[in-house]
């Protein structure tokens, strides 16, 4: 289940961006997933939603996934 690893990395990137831009929180996260990436969008969303609950600045964020060819 590499989606958990992807979600973990995504959250780490978000946390770095929050510090860099001195933001208070994140509302929306937009991700594009290629059809040959073998990423299950539902699994990525589940992992992201589970991990974001532990972080105050990200817990309200909504993950938007766009599947591209």
N, C-alpha and C. Protein backbone atom coordinates (compact mmCIF):
# COMPACT_ATOMS: atom_id res chain seq x y z
N UNK A 1 0.85 -1.19 0.00
CA UNK A 1 0.00 0.00 0.00
C UNK A 1 0.88 1.24 0.00
N UNK A 2 1.37 1.62 -1.15
CA UNK A 2 2.24 2.79 -1.22
C UNK A 2 1.48 4.10 -1.12
N UNK A 3 0.16 4.05 -1.13
CA UNK A 3 -0.63 5.27 -0.97
C UNK A 3 -0.40 5.90 0.40
N UNK A 4 -0.18 5.07 1.43
CA UNK A 4 0.11 5.59 2.76
C UNK A 4 1.42 6.37 2.75
N UNK A 5 2.42 5.84 2.08
CA UNK A 5 3.70 6.52 1.95
C UNK A 5 3.54 7.84 1.18
N UNK A 6 2.75 7.81 0.14
CA UNK A 6 2.50 9.03 -0.64
C UNK A 6 1.78 10.08 0.21
N UNK A 7 0.80 9.65 0.98
CA UNK A 7 0.07 10.58 1.84
C UNK A 7 0.98 11.17 2.92
N UNK A 8 1.86 10.35 3.46
CA UNK A 8 2.82 10.81 4.47
C UNK A 8 3.74 11.87 3.88
N UNK A 9 4.24 11.60 2.69
CA UNK A 9 5.12 12.56 2.01
C UNK A 9 4.37 13.83 1.65
N UNK A 10 3.15 13.70 1.19
CA UNK A 10 2.34 14.86 0.84
C UNK A 10 2.14 15.76 2.06
N UNK A 11 1.85 15.17 3.19
CA UNK A 11 1.65 15.96 4.42
C UNK A 11 2.95 16.62 4.85
N UNK A 12 4.06 15.93 4.70
CA UNK A 12 5.36 16.55 5.04
C UNK A 12 5.63 17.76 4.15
N UNK A 13 5.32 17.64 2.87
CA UNK A 13 5.49 18.77 1.94
C UNK A 13 4.57 19.92 2.34
N UNK A 14 3.34 19.61 2.69
CA UNK A 14 2.40 20.65 3.12
C UNK A 14 2.90 21.36 4.37
N UNK A 15 3.43 20.60 5.32
CA UNK A 15 3.94 21.21 6.55
C UNK A 15 5.12 22.14 6.25
N UNK A 16 5.99 21.74 5.31
CA UNK A 16 7.10 22.61 4.92
C UNK A 16 6.58 23.90 4.28
N UNK A 17 5.58 23.77 3.42
CA UNK A 17 5.00 24.95 2.77
C UNK A 17 4.29 25.86 3.76
N UNK A 18 3.64 25.27 4.74
CA UNK A 18 2.97 26.07 5.78
C UNK A 18 3.99 26.92 6.53
N UNK A 19 5.11 26.30 6.89
CA UNK A 19 6.17 27.06 7.59
C UNK A 19 6.78 28.12 6.69
N UNK A 20 7.06 27.75 5.46
CA UNK A 20 7.68 28.67 4.52
C UNK A 20 6.83 29.91 4.27
N UNK A 21 5.52 29.72 4.16
CA UNK A 21 4.62 30.83 3.84
C UNK A 21 3.92 31.39 5.08
N UNK A 22 4.28 30.86 6.25
CA UNK A 22 3.70 31.31 7.52
C UNK A 22 2.17 31.27 7.49
N UNK A 23 1.67 30.19 6.92
CA UNK A 23 0.22 30.01 6.82
C UNK A 23 -0.33 29.46 8.14
N UNK A 24 -1.60 29.67 8.34
CA UNK A 24 -2.24 29.16 9.56
C UNK A 24 -2.88 27.80 9.34
N UNK A 25 -3.33 27.56 8.12
CA UNK A 25 -3.96 26.26 7.83
C UNK A 25 -4.04 26.05 6.32
N UNK A 26 -4.48 24.85 5.97
CA UNK A 26 -4.67 24.47 4.57
C UNK A 26 -6.13 24.08 4.39
N UNK A 27 -6.75 24.59 3.35
CA UNK A 27 -8.15 24.26 3.10
C UNK A 27 -8.32 23.22 2.01
N UNK A 28 -7.54 23.35 0.95
CA UNK A 28 -7.67 22.45 -0.19
C UNK A 28 -6.29 22.02 -0.68
N UNK A 29 -6.22 20.76 -1.09
CA UNK A 29 -5.00 20.20 -1.65
C UNK A 29 -5.38 19.56 -2.98
N UNK A 30 -4.71 19.97 -4.04
CA UNK A 30 -5.01 19.45 -5.38
C UNK A 30 -3.86 18.57 -5.85
N UNK A 31 -4.20 17.35 -6.26
CA UNK A 31 -3.20 16.38 -6.69
C UNK A 31 -3.65 15.78 -8.02
N UNK A 32 -2.70 15.61 -8.92
CA UNK A 32 -2.98 14.91 -10.18
C UNK A 32 -2.31 13.55 -10.12
N UNK A 33 -3.06 12.52 -10.50
CA UNK A 33 -2.56 11.15 -10.46
C UNK A 33 -2.63 10.58 -11.87
N UNK A 34 -1.49 10.14 -12.38
CA UNK A 34 -1.44 9.57 -13.71
C UNK A 34 -1.98 8.15 -13.73
N UNK A 35 -2.56 7.77 -14.85
CA UNK A 35 -3.17 6.45 -14.96
C UNK A 35 -2.16 5.32 -14.85
N UNK A 36 -0.90 5.57 -15.18
CA UNK A 36 0.13 4.53 -15.09
C UNK A 36 0.88 4.54 -13.76
N UNK A 37 0.45 5.37 -12.83
CA UNK A 37 1.13 5.46 -11.54
C UNK A 37 0.75 4.34 -10.58
N UNK A 38 -0.30 3.62 -10.90
CA UNK A 38 -0.79 2.53 -10.03
C UNK A 38 -1.20 3.03 -8.65
N UNK A 39 -1.66 4.27 -8.59
CA UNK A 39 -2.14 4.83 -7.32
C UNK A 39 -3.65 4.69 -7.29
N UNK A 40 -4.14 4.12 -6.22
CA UNK A 40 -5.57 3.99 -6.01
C UNK A 40 -6.04 5.28 -5.33
N UNK A 41 -6.85 6.06 -6.01
CA UNK A 41 -7.29 7.36 -5.48
C UNK A 41 -8.04 7.24 -4.17
N UNK A 42 -8.89 6.23 -4.05
CA UNK A 42 -9.64 6.05 -2.81
C UNK A 42 -8.71 5.73 -1.64
N UNK A 43 -7.70 4.92 -1.89
CA UNK A 43 -6.74 4.58 -0.83
C UNK A 43 -5.90 5.78 -0.44
N UNK A 44 -5.51 6.58 -1.43
CA UNK A 44 -4.74 7.80 -1.13
C UNK A 44 -5.58 8.76 -0.30
N UNK A 45 -6.83 8.94 -0.67
CA UNK A 45 -7.73 9.82 0.08
C UNK A 45 -7.93 9.31 1.51
N UNK A 46 -8.11 8.00 1.66
CA UNK A 46 -8.29 7.40 2.99
C UNK A 46 -7.06 7.64 3.86
N UNK A 47 -5.88 7.39 3.29
CA UNK A 47 -4.64 7.58 4.04
C UNK A 47 -4.45 9.05 4.42
N UNK A 48 -4.69 9.94 3.47
CA UNK A 48 -4.56 11.37 3.74
C UNK A 48 -5.51 11.79 4.86
N UNK A 49 -6.76 11.37 4.77
CA UNK A 49 -7.75 11.73 5.79
C UNK A 49 -7.38 11.18 7.17
N UNK A 50 -6.81 10.00 7.21
CA UNK A 50 -6.41 9.42 8.49
C UNK A 50 -5.23 10.18 9.10
N UNK A 51 -4.26 10.52 8.28
CA UNK A 51 -3.05 11.19 8.77
C UNK A 51 -3.27 12.66 9.10
N UNK A 52 -4.15 13.33 8.39
CA UNK A 52 -4.33 14.77 8.60
C UNK A 52 -4.96 15.08 9.96
N UNK A 53 -5.65 14.13 10.53
CA UNK A 53 -6.32 14.36 11.81
C UNK A 53 -5.34 14.69 12.93
N UNK A 54 -4.09 14.29 12.77
CA UNK A 54 -3.07 14.50 13.80
C UNK A 54 -2.42 15.88 13.71
N UNK A 55 -2.75 16.65 12.70
CA UNK A 55 -2.09 17.94 12.48
C UNK A 55 -3.11 19.07 12.42
N UNK A 56 -3.00 20.00 13.34
CA UNK A 56 -3.98 21.08 13.45
C UNK A 56 -4.07 21.94 12.19
N UNK A 57 -2.95 22.17 11.54
CA UNK A 57 -2.94 23.07 10.38
C UNK A 57 -3.49 22.42 9.12
N UNK A 58 -3.61 21.10 9.14
CA UNK A 58 -4.04 20.37 7.93
C UNK A 58 -5.36 19.63 8.14
N UNK A 59 -5.81 19.48 9.37
CA UNK A 59 -6.95 18.60 9.63
C UNK A 59 -8.25 19.00 8.93
N UNK A 60 -8.38 20.25 8.53
CA UNK A 60 -9.59 20.68 7.82
C UNK A 60 -9.43 20.62 6.29
N UNK A 61 -8.26 20.23 5.83
CA UNK A 61 -7.98 20.23 4.40
C UNK A 61 -8.77 19.16 3.66
N UNK A 62 -9.18 19.50 2.46
CA UNK A 62 -9.86 18.55 1.59
C UNK A 62 -8.94 18.20 0.44
N UNK A 63 -8.78 16.91 0.20
CA UNK A 63 -7.92 16.43 -0.88
C UNK A 63 -8.74 16.27 -2.15
N UNK A 64 -8.30 16.96 -3.20
CA UNK A 64 -8.95 16.87 -4.51
C UNK A 64 -8.00 16.10 -5.43
N UNK A 65 -8.45 14.98 -5.94
CA UNK A 65 -7.61 14.16 -6.80
C UNK A 65 -8.18 14.17 -8.22
N UNK A 66 -7.31 14.52 -9.15
CA UNK A 66 -7.69 14.51 -10.56
C UNK A 66 -6.88 13.41 -11.26
N UNK A 67 -7.57 12.48 -11.84
CA UNK A 67 -6.90 11.40 -12.54
C UNK A 67 -6.67 11.84 -13.99
N UNK A 68 -5.41 11.71 -14.41
CA UNK A 68 -5.05 12.12 -15.78
C UNK A 68 -4.50 10.92 -16.55
N UNK A 69 -4.63 10.97 -17.87
CA UNK A 69 -4.14 9.84 -18.68
C UNK A 69 -2.61 9.75 -18.70
